Amino acid sequence: ARAMMTKPKMLLLDEPSMGLAPQLVAEIFNIVKMLNEKEGVSILLAEQNTNIALKNSDYGYIIETGKVMLEGSAKSLLGNDKVKELYLGISKGKRLNFRDAIKDNENKNK
């Protein structure tokens, strides 16, 4: 609310869903959508939850280690296997084995 007092043209939201219950996340994004549609405020969103981010965006960038790996309309990215691969660190057709990932990480840190 405080950020809107100056009637900004853009809001930067950094991880607005972090640590919130799903119902609260939905409420937050409903408010963000209203600000965009009714007040004309552009939203720049940084969010690790790709599903939430892309369902509430027009356009997206998938960033890995500081580099833009993919970009496009939210619709085109939402079902893109490459997004899943980058996000989960797996190749198409391979399933993520959590225990193996932990062992790999431990071996890298030795």
PDB file of N, CA and C in Angstrom:
ATOM      1  N   ALA A   1       0.828  -1.189   0.000  1.00  0.00           N
ATOM      2  CA  ALA A   1       0.000   0.000   0.000  1.00  0.00           C
ATOM      3  C   ALA A   1       0.873   1.254   0.000  1.00  0.00           C
ATOM      4  N   ARG A   2       1.946   1.239   0.793  1.00  0.00           N
ATOM      5  CA  ARG A   2       2.834   2.401   0.869  1.00  0.00           C
ATOM      6  C   ARG A   2       3.450   2.705  -0.495  1.00  0.00           C
ATOM      7  N   ALA A   3       3.831   1.667  -1.228  1.00  0.00           N
ATOM      8  CA  ALA A   3       4.446   1.864  -2.547  1.00  0.00           C
ATOM      9  C   ALA A   3       3.484   2.534  -3.518  1.00  0.00           C
ATOM     10  N   MET A   4       2.202   2.315  -3.366  1.00  0.00           N
ATOM     11  CA  MET A   4       1.211   2.865  -4.295  1.00  0.00           C
ATOM     12  C   MET A   4       0.853   4.322  -3.989  1.00  0.00           C
ATOM     13  N   MET A   5       1.273   4.837  -2.849  1.00  0.00           N
ATOM     14  CA  MET A   5       0.936   6.220  -2.480  1.00  0.00           C
ATOM     15  C   MET A   5       1.509   7.239  -3.463  1.00  0.00           C
ATOM     16  N   THR A   6       2.621   6.915  -4.084  1.00  0.00           N
ATOM     17  CA  THR A   6       3.257   7.847  -5.025  1.00  0.00           C
ATOM     18  C   THR A   6       2.782   7.637  -6.457  1.00  0.00           C
ATOM     19  N   LYS A   7       1.814   6.753  -6.635  1.00  0.00           N
ATOM     20  CA  LYS A   7       1.264   6.431  -7.961  1.00  0.00           C
ATOM     21  C   LYS A   7       2.373   6.069  -8.959  1.00  0.00           C
ATOM     22  N   PRO A   8       3.124   4.998  -8.652  1.00  0.00           N
ATOM     23  CA  PRO A   8       4.237   4.612  -9.522  1.00  0.00           C
ATOM     24  C   PRO A   8       3.748   4.047 -10.853  1.00  0.00           C
ATOM     25  N   LYS A   9       4.611   4.123 -11.846  1.00  0.00           N
ATOM     26  CA  LYS A   9       4.310   3.521 -13.144  1.00  0.00           C
ATOM     27  C   LYS A   9       4.747   2.065 -13.167  1.00  0.00           C
ATOM     28  N   MET A  10       5.668   1.694 -12.246  1.00  0.00           N
ATOM     29  CA  MET A  10       6.180   0.328 -12.209  1.00  0.00           C
ATOM     30  C   MET A  10       6.443  -0.095 -10.771  1.00  0.00           C
ATOM     31  N   LEU A  11       6.190  -1.377 -10.500  1.00  0.00           N
ATOM     32  CA  LEU A  11       6.531  -1.976  -9.211  1.00  0.00           C
ATOM     33  C   LEU A  11       7.491  -3.131  -9.457  1.00  0.00           C
ATOM     34  N   LEU A  12       8.510  -3.243  -8.620  1.00  0.00           N
ATOM     35  CA  LEU A  12       9.415  -4.383  -8.638  1.00  0.00           C
ATOM     36  C   LEU A  12       9.033  -5.266  -7.465  1.00  0.00           C
ATOM     37  N   LEU A  13       8.641  -6.486  -7.756  1.00  0.00           N
ATOM     38  CA  LEU A  13       8.256  -7.435  -6.714  1.00  0.00           C
ATOM     39  C   LEU A  13       9.285  -8.559  -6.691  1.00  0.00           C
ATOM     40  N   ASP A  14       9.967  -8.707  -5.571  1.00  0.00           N
ATOM     41  CA  ASP A  14      11.003  -9.719  -5.420  1.00  0.00           C
ATOM     42  C   ASP A  14      10.479 -10.847  -4.541  1.00  0.00           C
ATOM     43  N   GLU A  15      10.210 -11.983  -5.156  1.00  0.00           N
ATOM     44  CA  GLU A  15       9.724 -13.179  -4.455  1.00  0.00           C
ATOM     45  C   GLU A  15       8.489 -12.902  -3.589  1.00  0.00           C
ATOM     46  N   PRO A  16       7.422 -12.351  -4.167  1.00  0.00           N
ATOM     47  CA  PRO A  16       6.251 -12.033  -3.347  1.00  0.00           C
ATOM     48  C   PRO A  16       5.535 -13.256  -2.774  1.00  0.00           C
ATOM     49  N   SER A  17       5.797 -14.446  -3.298  1.00  0.00           N
ATOM     50  CA  SER A  17       5.105 -15.631  -2.793  1.00  0.00           C
ATOM     51  C   SER A  17       5.914 -16.398  -1.752  1.00  0.00           C
ATOM     52  N   MET A  18       7.147 -15.996  -1.512  1.00  0.00           N
ATOM     53  CA  MET A  18       8.025 -16.757  -0.628  1.00  0.00           C
ATOM     54  C   MET A  18       7.464 -16.840   0.791  1.00  0.00           C
ATOM     55  N   GLY A  19       7.323 -18.061   1.262  1.00  0.00           N
ATOM     56  CA  GLY A  19       6.900 -18.300   2.633  1.00  0.00           C
ATOM     57  C   GLY A  19       5.421 -18.104   2.909  1.00  0.00           C
ATOM     58  N   LEU A  20       4.635 -17.890   1.870  1.00  0.00           N
ATOM     59  CA  LEU A  20       3.204 -17.662   2.075  1.00  0.00           C
ATOM     60  C   LEU A  20       2.386 -18.909   1.753  1.00  0.00           C
ATOM     61  N   ALA A  21       1.275 -19.044   2.429  1.00  0.00           N
ATOM     62  CA  ALA A  21       0.337 -20.124   2.138  1.00  0.00           C
ATOM     63  C   ALA A  21      -0.248 -19.901   0.746  1.00  0.00           C
ATOM     64  N   PRO A  22      -0.578 -20.984   0.039  1.00  0.00           N
ATOM     65  CA  PRO A  22      -1.111 -20.852  -1.323  1.00  0.00           C
ATOM     66  C   PRO A  22      -2.295 -19.896  -1.444  1.00  0.00           C
ATOM     67  N   GLN A  23      -3.177 -19.878  -0.457  1.00  0.00           N
ATOM     68  CA  GLN A  23      -4.336 -18.980  -0.516  1.00  0.00           C
ATOM     69  C   GLN A  23      -3.896 -17.517  -0.484  1.00  0.00           C
ATOM     70  N   LEU A  24      -2.899 -17.209   0.333  1.00  0.00           N
ATOM     71  CA  LEU A  24      -2.393 -15.836   0.397  1.00  0.00           C
ATOM     72  C   LEU A  24      -1.673 -15.454  -0.889  1.00  0.00           C
ATOM     73  N   VAL A  25      -0.964 -16.405  -1.484  1.00  0.00           N
ATOM     74  CA  VAL A  25      -0.282 -16.151  -2.757  1.00  0.00           C
ATOM     75  C   VAL A  25      -1.308 -15.771  -3.814  1.00  0.00           C
ATOM     76  N   ALA A  26      -2.409 -16.502  -3.862  1.00  0.00           N
ATOM     77  CA  ALA A  26      -3.467 -16.200  -4.835  1.00  0.00           C
ATOM     78  C   ALA A  26      -4.015 -14.793  -4.606  1.00  0.00           C
ATOM     79  N   GLU A  27      -4.216 -14.414  -3.348  1.00  0.00           N
ATOM     80  CA  GLU A  27      -4.722 -13.071  -3.040  1.00  0.00           C
ATOM     81  C   GLU A  27      -3.730 -11.993  -3.468  1.00  0.00           C
ATOM     82  N   ILE A  28      -2.456 -12.224  -3.185  1.00  0.00           N
ATOM     83  CA  ILE A  28      -1.415 -11.254  -3.576  1.00  0.00           C
ATOM     84  C   ILE A  28      -1.428 -11.052  -5.089  1.00  0.00           C
ATOM     85  N   PHE A  29      -1.466 -12.153  -5.835  1.00  0.00           N
ATOM     86  CA  PHE A  29      -1.423 -12.029  -7.288  1.00  0.00           C
ATOM     87  C   PHE A  29      -2.715 -11.455  -7.864  1.00  0.00           C
ATOM     88  N   ASN A  30      -3.837 -11.641  -7.189  1.00  0.00           N
ATOM     89  CA  ASN A  30      -5.076 -10.975  -7.618  1.00  0.00           C
ATOM     90  C   ASN A  30      -4.937  -9.460  -7.476  1.00  0.00           C
ATOM     91  N   ILE A  31      -4.325  -9.021  -6.387  1.00  0.00           N
ATOM     92  CA  ILE A  31      -4.101  -7.584  -6.184  1.00  0.00           C
ATOM     93  C   ILE A  31      -3.128  -7.047  -7.230  1.00  0.00           C
ATOM     94  N   VAL A  32      -2.059  -7.788  -7.487  1.00  0.00           N
ATOM     95  CA  VAL A  32      -1.068  -7.370  -8.486  1.00  0.00           C
ATOM     96  C   VAL A  32      -1.720  -7.255  -9.861  1.00  0.00           C
ATOM     97  N   LYS A  33      -2.547  -8.230 -10.196  1.00  0.00           N
ATOM     98  CA  LYS A  33      -3.241  -8.205 -11.489  1.00  0.00           C
ATOM     99  C   LYS A  33      -4.162  -6.984 -11.588  1.00  0.00           C
ATOM    100  N   MET A  34      -4.857  -6.678 -10.500  1.00  0.00           N
ATOM    101  CA  MET A  34      -5.746  -5.515 -10.480  1.00  0.00           C
ATOM    102  C   MET A  34      -4.953  -4.224 -10.660  1.00  0.00           C
ATOM    103  N   LEU A  35      -3.807  -4.121  -9.990  1.00  0.00           N
ATOM    104  CA  LEU A  35      -2.963  -2.929 -10.131  1.00  0.00           C
ATOM    105  C   LEU A  35      -2.508  -2.750 -11.571  1.00  0.00           C
ATOM    106  N   ASN A  36      -2.187  -3.847 -12.209  1.00  0.00           N
ATOM    107  CA  ASN A  36      -1.746  -3.789 -13.599  1.00  0.00           C
ATOM    108  C   ASN A  36      -2.892  -3.400 -14.524  1.00  0.00           C
ATOM    109  N   GLU A  37      -4.025  -4.058 -14.374  1.00  0.00           N
ATOM    110  CA  GLU A  37      -5.142  -3.848 -15.300  1.00  0.00           C
ATOM    111  C   GLU A  37      -5.899  -2.545 -15.053  1.00  0.00           C
ATOM    112  N   LYS A  38      -6.164  -2.217 -13.803  1.00  0.00           N
ATOM    113  CA  LYS A  38      -7.009  -1.049 -13.510  1.00  0.00           C
ATOM    114  C   LYS A  38      -6.223   0.235 -13.280  1.00  0.00           C
ATOM    115  N   GLU A  39      -5.017   0.111 -12.754  1.00  0.00           N
ATOM    116  CA  GLU A  39      -4.213   1.301 -12.456  1.00  0.00           C
ATOM    117  C   GLU A  39      -3.124   1.536 -13.499  1.00  0.00           C
ATOM    118  N   GLY A  40      -2.923   0.558 -14.390  1.00  0.00           N
ATOM    119  CA  GLY A  40      -1.914   0.706 -15.436  1.00  0.00           C
ATOM    120  C   GLY A  40      -0.480   0.607 -14.941  1.00  0.00           C
ATOM    121  N   VAL A  41      -0.290  -0.028 -13.792  1.00  0.00           N
ATOM    122  CA  VAL A  41       1.047  -0.173 -13.220  1.00  0.00           C
ATOM    123  C   VAL A  41       1.736  -1.380 -13.855  1.00  0.00           C
ATOM    124  N   SER A  42       2.922  -1.153 -14.398  1.00  0.00           N
ATOM    125  CA  SER A  42       3.718  -2.265 -14.924  1.00  0.00           C
ATOM    126  C   SER A  42       4.347  -2.997 -13.749  1.00  0.00           C
ATOM    127  N   ILE A  43       4.480  -4.313 -13.877  1.00  0.00           N
ATOM    128  CA  ILE A  43       5.020  -5.127 -12.794  1.00  0.00           C
ATOM    129  C   ILE A  43       6.260  -5.854 -13.297  1.00  0.00           C
ATOM    130  N   LEU A  44       7.363  -5.701 -12.571  1.00  0.00           N
ATOM    131  CA  LEU A  44       8.572  -6.477 -12.828  1.00  0.00           C
ATOM    132  C   LEU A  44       8.679  -7.456 -11.677  1.00  0.00           C
ATOM    133  N   LEU A  45       8.592  -8.729 -11.998  1.00  0.00           N
ATOM    134  CA  LEU A  45       8.475  -9.775 -10.989  1.00  0.00           C
ATOM    135  C   LEU A  45       9.684 -10.695 -11.036  1.00  0.00           C
ATOM    136  N   ALA A  46      10.327 -10.876  -9.893  1.00  0.00           N
ATOM    137  CA  ALA A  46      11.379 -11.887  -9.740  1.00  0.00           C
ATOM    138  C   ALA A  46      10.789 -12.970  -8.852  1.00  0.00           C
ATOM    139  N   GLU A  47      10.690 -14.183  -9.370  1.00  0.00           N
ATOM    140  CA  GLU A  47       9.980 -15.248  -8.658  1.00  0.00           C
ATOM    141  C   GLU A  47      10.582 -16.596  -9.020  1.00  0.00           C
ATOM    142  N   GLN A  48      10.896 -17.414  -8.005  1.00  0.00           N
ATOM    143  CA  GLN A  48      11.439 -18.743  -8.273  1.00  0.00           C
ATOM    144  C   GLN A  48      10.358 -19.749  -8.636  1.00  0.00           C
ATOM    145  N   ASN A  49       9.148 -19.506  -8.217  1.00  0.00           N
ATOM    146  CA  ASN A  49       8.052 -20.412  -8.552  1.00  0.00           C
ATOM    147  C   ASN A  49       7.608 -20.097  -9.978  1.00  0.00           C
ATOM    148  N   THR A  50       8.168 -20.841 -10.939  1.00  0.00           N
ATOM    149  CA  THR A  50       7.912 -20.538 -12.345  1.00  0.00           C
ATOM    150  C   THR A  50       6.441 -20.672 -12.703  1.00  0.00           C
ATOM    151  N   ASN A  51       5.755 -21.618 -12.112  1.00  0.00           N
ATOM    152  CA  ASN A  51       4.341 -21.819 -12.418  1.00  0.00           C
ATOM    153  C   ASN A  51       3.529 -20.572 -12.056  1.00  0.00           C
ATOM    154  N   ILE A  52       3.716 -20.084 -10.851  1.00  0.00           N
ATOM    155  CA  ILE A  52       3.000 -18.880 -10.409  1.00  0.00           C
ATOM    156  C   ILE A  52       3.410 -17.679 -11.250  1.00  0.00           C
ATOM    157  N   ALA A  53       4.712 -17.529 -11.458  1.00  0.00           N
ATOM    158  CA  ALA A  53       5.211 -16.368 -12.202  1.00  0.00           C
ATOM    159  C   ALA A  53       4.651 -16.328 -13.615  1.00  0.00           C
ATOM    160  N   LEU A  54       4.703 -17.453 -14.315  1.00  0.00           N
ATOM    161  CA  LEU A  54       4.266 -17.466 -15.710  1.00  0.00           C
ATOM    162  C   LEU A  54       2.752 -17.388 -15.851  1.00  0.00           C
ATOM    163  N   LYS A  55       2.017 -17.925 -14.884  1.00  0.00           N
ATOM    164  CA  LYS A  55       0.556 -17.834 -14.952  1.00  0.00           C
ATOM    165  C   LYS A  55       0.065 -16.409 -14.687  1.00  0.00           C
ATOM    166  N   ASN A  56       0.930 -15.585 -14.122  1.00  0.00           N
ATOM    167  CA  ASN A  56       0.554 -14.210 -13.797  1.00  0.00           C
ATOM    168  C   ASN A  56       1.363 -13.187 -14.576  1.00  0.00           C
ATOM    169  N   SER A  57       1.883 -13.588 -15.718  1.00  0.00           N
ATOM    170  CA  SER A  57       2.725 -12.700 -16.524  1.00  0.00           C
ATOM    171  C   SER A  57       2.311 -12.740 -17.981  1.00  0.00           C
ATOM    172  N   ASP A  58       2.737 -11.727 -18.699  1.00  0.00           N
ATOM    173  CA  ASP A  58       2.573 -11.712 -20.152  1.00  0.00           C
ATOM    174  C   ASP A  58       3.831 -12.228 -20.837  1.00  0.00           C
ATOM    175  N   TYR A  59       4.982 -11.933 -20.237  1.00  0.00           N
ATOM    176  CA  TYR A  59       6.265 -12.251 -20.849  1.00  0.00           C
ATOM    177  C   TYR A  59       7.212 -12.696 -19.748  1.00  0.00           C
ATOM    178  N   GLY A  60       8.120 -13.605 -20.062  1.00  0.00           N
ATOM    179  CA  GLY A  60       9.025 -14.093 -19.038  1.00  0.00           C
ATOM    180  C   GLY A  60      10.439 -14.307 -19.521  1.00  0.00           C
ATOM    181  N   TYR A  61      11.344 -14.271 -18.573  1.00  0.00           N
ATOM    182  CA  TYR A  61      12.752 -14.584 -18.791  1.00  0.00           C
ATOM    183  C   TYR A  61      13.119 -15.687 -17.810  1.00  0.00           C
ATOM    184  N   ILE A  62      13.768 -16.728 -18.288  1.00  0.00           N
ATOM    185  CA  ILE A  62      14.265 -17.784 -17.418  1.00  0.00           C
ATOM    186  C   ILE A  62      15.760 -17.531 -17.265  1.00  0.00           C
ATOM    187  N   ILE A  63      16.177 -17.266 -16.031  1.00  0.00           N
ATOM    188  CA  ILE A  63      17.559 -16.888 -15.758  1.00  0.00           C
ATOM    189  C   ILE A  63      18.228 -17.996 -14.961  1.00  0.00           C
ATOM    190  N   GLU A  64      19.402 -18.385 -15.394  1.00  0.00           N
ATOM    191  CA  GLU A  64      20.198 -19.418 -14.728  1.00  0.00           C
ATOM    192  C   GLU A  64      21.589 -18.842 -14.510  1.00  0.00           C
ATOM    193  N   THR A  65      22.049 -18.833 -13.280  1.00  0.00           N
ATOM    194  CA  THR A  65      23.357 -18.286 -12.906  1.00  0.00           C
ATOM    195  C   THR A  65      23.621 -16.929 -13.552  1.00  0.00           C
ATOM    196  N   GLY A  66      22.622 -16.063 -13.496  1.00  0.00           N
ATOM    197  CA  GLY A  66      22.767 -14.700 -13.978  1.00  0.00           C
ATOM    198  C   GLY A  66      22.662 -14.501 -15.475  1.00  0.00           C
ATOM    199  N   LYS A  67      22.380 -15.562 -16.217  1.00  0.00           N
ATOM    200  CA  LYS A  67      22.277 -15.458 -17.675  1.00  0.00           C
ATOM    201  C   LYS A  67      20.853 -15.769 -18.119  1.00  0.00           C
ATOM    202  N   VAL A  68      20.362 -15.001 -19.089  1.00  0.00           N
ATOM    203  CA  VAL A  68      19.044 -15.283 -19.658  1.00  0.00           C
ATOM    204  C   VAL A  68      19.184 -16.508 -20.551  1.00  0.00           C
ATOM    205  N   MET A  69      18.531 -17.586 -20.159  1.00  0.00           N
ATOM    206  CA  MET A  69      18.611 -18.840 -20.907  1.00  0.00           C
ATOM    207  C   MET A  69      17.451 -18.975 -21.890  1.00  0.00           C
ATOM    208  N   LEU A  70      16.288 -18.483 -21.508  1.00  0.00           N
ATOM    209  CA  LEU A  70      15.092 -18.534 -22.350  1.00  0.00           C
ATOM    210  C   LEU A  70      14.294 -17.264 -22.124  1.00  0.00           C
ATOM    211  N   GLU A  71      13.571 -16.862 -23.145  1.00  0.00           N
ATOM    212  CA  GLU A  71      12.625 -15.763 -22.984  1.00  0.00           C
ATOM    213  C   GLU A  71      11.503 -15.951 -23.982  1.00  0.00           C
ATOM    214  N   GLY A  72      10.361 -15.399 -23.661  1.00  0.00           N
ATOM    215  CA  GLY A  72       9.227 -15.481 -24.561  1.00  0.00           C
ATOM    216  C   GLY A  72       7.934 -15.186 -23.841  1.00  0.00           C
ATOM    217  N   SER A  73       6.843 -15.363 -24.563  1.00  0.00           N
ATOM    218  CA  SER A  73       5.538 -15.146 -23.937  1.00  0.00           C
ATOM    219  C   SER A  73       5.373 -16.148 -22.800  1.00  0.00           C
ATOM    220  N   ALA A  74       4.635 -15.746 -21.790  1.00  0.00           N
ATOM    221  CA  ALA A  74       4.409 -16.634 -20.652  1.00  0.00           C
ATOM    222  C   ALA A  74       3.767 -17.934 -21.108  1.00  0.00           C
ATOM    223  N   LYS A  75       2.836 -17.847 -22.056  1.00  0.00           N
ATOM    224  CA  LYS A  75       2.180 -19.056 -22.567  1.00  0.00           C
ATOM    225  C   LYS A  75       3.188 -20.017 -23.180  1.00  0.00           C
ATOM    226  N   SER A  76       4.125 -19.486 -23.971  1.00  0.00           N
ATOM    227  CA  SER A  76       5.092 -20.358 -24.637  1.00  0.00           C
ATOM    228  C   SER A  76       6.069 -20.980 -23.646  1.00  0.00           C
ATOM    229  N   LEU A  77       6.360 -20.295 -22.563  1.00  0.00           N
ATOM    230  CA  LEU A  77       7.297 -20.821 -21.574  1.00  0.00           C
ATOM    231  C   LEU A  77       6.632 -21.788 -20.602  1.00  0.00           C
ATOM    232  N   LEU A  78       5.347 -21.622 -20.366  1.00  0.00           N
ATOM    233  CA  LEU A  78       4.641 -22.418 -19.361  1.00  0.00           C
ATOM    234  C   LEU A  78       4.718 -23.915 -19.625  1.00  0.00           C
ATOM    235  N   GLY A  79       4.614 -24.336 -20.865  1.00  0.00           N
ATOM    236  CA  GLY A  79       4.663 -25.764 -21.164  1.00  0.00           C
ATOM    237  C   GLY A  79       5.978 -26.219 -21.760  1.00  0.00           C
ATOM    238  N   ASN A  80       7.002 -25.379 -21.703  1.00  0.00           N
ATOM    239  CA  ASN A  80       8.278 -25.660 -22.337  1.00  0.00           C
ATOM    240  C   ASN A  80       9.117 -26.612 -21.481  1.00  0.00           C
ATOM    241  N   ASP A  81       9.506 -27.761 -22.052  1.00  0.00           N
ATOM    242  CA  ASP A  81      10.320 -28.734 -21.320  1.00  0.00           C
ATOM    243  C   ASP A  81      11.676 -28.168 -20.919  1.00  0.00           C
ATOM    244  N   LYS A  82      12.202 -27.251 -21.699  1.00  0.00           N
ATOM    245  CA  LYS A  82      13.509 -26.654 -21.390  1.00  0.00           C
ATOM    246  C   LYS A  82      13.438 -25.869 -20.076  1.00  0.00           C
ATOM    247  N   VAL A  83      12.294 -25.252 -19.793  1.00  0.00           N
ATOM    248  CA  VAL A  83      12.123 -24.537 -18.527  1.00  0.00           C
ATOM    249  C   VAL A  83      12.249 -25.526 -17.372  1.00  0.00           C
ATOM    250  N   LYS A  84      11.572 -26.667 -17.491  1.00  0.00           N
ATOM    251  CA  LYS A  84      11.646 -27.694 -16.445  1.00  0.00           C
ATOM    252  C   LYS A  84      13.072 -28.197 -16.284  1.00  0.00           C
ATOM    253  N   GLU A  85      13.741 -28.407 -17.408  1.00  0.00           N
ATOM    254  CA  GLU A  85      15.121 -28.891 -17.370  1.00  0.00           C
ATOM    255  C   GLU A  85      16.028 -27.895 -16.647  1.00  0.00           C
ATOM    256  N   LEU A  86      15.908 -26.627 -16.985  1.00  0.00           N
ATOM    257  CA  LEU A  86      16.736 -25.605 -16.339  1.00  0.00           C
ATOM    258  C   LEU A  86      16.380 -25.455 -14.865  1.00  0.00           C
ATOM    259  N   TYR A  87      15.092 -25.469 -14.568  1.00  0.00           N
ATOM    260  CA  TYR A  87      14.642 -25.247 -13.200  1.00  0.00           C
ATOM    261  C   TYR A  87      15.008 -26.413 -12.286  1.00  0.00           C
ATOM    262  N   LEU A  88      14.833 -27.628 -12.786  1.00  0.00           N
ATOM    263  CA  LEU A  88      15.097 -28.812 -11.972  1.00  0.00           C
ATOM    264  C   LEU A  88      16.502 -29.372 -12.163  1.00  0.00           C
ATOM    265  N   GLY A  89      17.199 -28.911 -13.197  1.00  0.00           N
ATOM    266  CA  GLY A  89      18.538 -29.413 -13.463  1.00  0.00           C
ATOM    267  C   GLY A  89      18.543 -30.832 -13.995  1.00  0.00           C
ATOM    268  N   ILE A  90      17.518 -31.185 -14.773  1.00  0.00           N
ATOM    269  CA  ILE A  90      17.431 -32.538 -15.326  1.00  0.00           C
ATOM    270  C   ILE A  90      17.266 -32.475 -16.834  1.00  0.00           C
ATOM    271  N   SER A  91      17.599 -33.568 -17.475  1.00  0.00           N
ATOM    272  CA  SER A  91      17.401 -33.679 -18.916  1.00  0.00           C
ATOM    273  C   SER A  91      16.049 -34.307 -19.195  1.00  0.00           C
ATOM    274  N   LYS A  92      15.518 -34.048 -20.378  1.00  0.00           N
ATOM    275  CA  LYS A  92      14.220 -34.598 -20.766  1.00  0.00           C
ATOM    276  C   LYS A  92      14.259 -36.123 -20.662  1.00  0.00           C
ATOM    277  N   GLY A  93      13.242 -36.680 -20.082  1.00  0.00           N
ATOM    278  CA  GLY A  93      13.138 -38.124 -19.968  1.00  0.00           C
ATOM    279  C   GLY A  93      13.787 -38.687 -18.714  1.00  0.00           C
ATOM    280  N   LYS A  94      14.602 -37.914 -18.040  1.00  0.00           N
ATOM    281  CA  LYS A  94      15.230 -38.377 -16.808  1.00  0.00           C
ATOM    282  C   LYS A  94      14.453 -37.820 -15.634  1.00  0.00           C
ATOM    283  N   ARG A  95      14.302 -38.639 -14.615  1.00  0.00           N
ATOM    284  CA  ARG A  95      13.612 -38.182 -13.416  1.00  0.00           C
ATOM    285  C   ARG A  95      14.634 -37.715 -12.394  1.00  0.00           C
ATOM    286  N   LEU A  96      14.266 -36.715 -11.654  1.00  0.00           N
ATOM    287  CA  LEU A  96      15.136 -36.194 -10.613  1.00  0.00           C
ATOM    288  C   LEU A  96      15.104 -37.139  -9.422  1.00  0.00           C
ATOM    289  N   ASN A  97      16.274 -37.637  -9.045  1.00  0.00           N
ATOM    290  CA  ASN A  97      16.397 -38.485  -7.872  1.00  0.00           C
ATOM    291  C   ASN A  97      17.006 -37.625  -6.772  1.00  0.00           C
ATOM    292  N   PHE A  98      16.212 -37.279  -5.796  1.00  0.00           N
ATOM    293  CA  PHE A  98      16.626 -36.337  -4.763  1.00  0.00           C
ATOM    294  C   PHE A  98      17.858 -36.823  -4.007  1.00  0.00           C
ATOM    295  N   ARG A  99      17.896 -38.100  -3.654  1.00  0.00           N
ATOM    296  CA  ARG A  99      19.051 -38.632  -2.916  1.00  0.00           C
ATOM    297  C   ARG A  99      20.327 -38.531  -3.740  1.00  0.00           C
ATOM    298  N   ASP A 100      20.238 -38.857  -5.041  1.00  0.00           N
ATOM    299  CA  ASP A 100      21.414 -38.743  -5.911  1.00  0.00           C
ATOM    300  C   ASP A 100      21.858 -37.298  -6.034  1.00  0.00           C
ATOM    301  N   ALA A 101      20.913 -36.379  -6.110  1.00  0.00           N
ATOM    302  CA  ALA A 101      21.252 -34.957  -6.218  1.00  0.00           C
ATOM    303  C   ALA A 101      21.989 -34.487  -4.968  1.00  0.00           C
ATOM    304  N   ILE A 102      21.565 -34.961  -3.793  1.00  0.00           N
ATOM    305  CA  ILE A 102      22.239 -34.596  -2.545  1.00  0.00           C
ATOM    306  C   ILE A 102      23.655 -35.161  -2.527  1.00  0.00           C
ATOM    307  N   LYS A 103      23.802 -36.441  -2.929  1.00  0.00           N
ATOM    308  CA  LYS A 103      25.137 -37.050  -2.969  1.00  0.00           C
ATOM    309  C   LYS A 103      26.044 -36.311  -3.939  1.00  0.00           C
ATOM    310  N   ASP A 104      25.519 -35.969  -5.118  1.00  0.00           N
ATOM    311  CA  ASP A 104      26.311 -35.220  -6.099  1.00  0.00           C
ATOM    312  C   ASP A 104      26.767 -33.890  -5.516  1.00  0.00           C
ATOM    313  N   ASN A 105      25.871 -33.223  -4.815  1.00  0.00           N
ATOM    314  CA  ASN A 105      26.203 -31.938  -4.213  1.00  0.00           C
ATOM    315  C   ASN A 105      27.262 -32.101  -3.125  1.00  0.00           C
ATOM    316  N   GLU A 106      27.132 -33.152  -2.311  1.00  0.00           N
ATOM    317  CA  GLU A 106      28.119 -33.404  -1.257  1.00  0.00           C
ATOM    318  C   GLU A 106      29.487 -33.701  -1.863  1.00  0.00           C
ATOM    319  N   ASN A 107      29.514 -34.486  -2.949  1.00  0.00           N
ATOM    320  CA  ASN A 107      30.778 -34.813  -3.610  1.00  0.00           C
ATOM    321  C   ASN A 107      31.435 -33.574  -4.204  1.00  0.00           C
ATOM    322  N   LYS A 108      30.633 -32.655  -4.733  1.00  0.00           N
ATOM    323  CA  LYS A 108      31.176 -31.419  -5.307  1.00  0.00           C
ATOM    324  C   LYS A 108      31.797 -30.541  -4.232  1.00  0.00           C
ATOM    325  N   ASN A 109      31.256 -30.618  -3.020  1.00  0.00           N
ATOM    326  CA  ASN A 109      31.725 -29.753  -1.932  1.00  0.00           C
ATOM    327  C   ASN A 109      32.889 -30.340  -1.141  1.00  0.00           C
ATOM    328  N   LYS A 110      33.361 -31.532  -1.518  1.00  0.00           N
ATOM    329  CA  LYS A 110      34.496 -32.159  -0.804  1.00  0.00           C
ATOM    330  C   LYS A 110      35.798 -31.565  -1.241  1.00  0.00           C
TER     331      LYS A 110
END
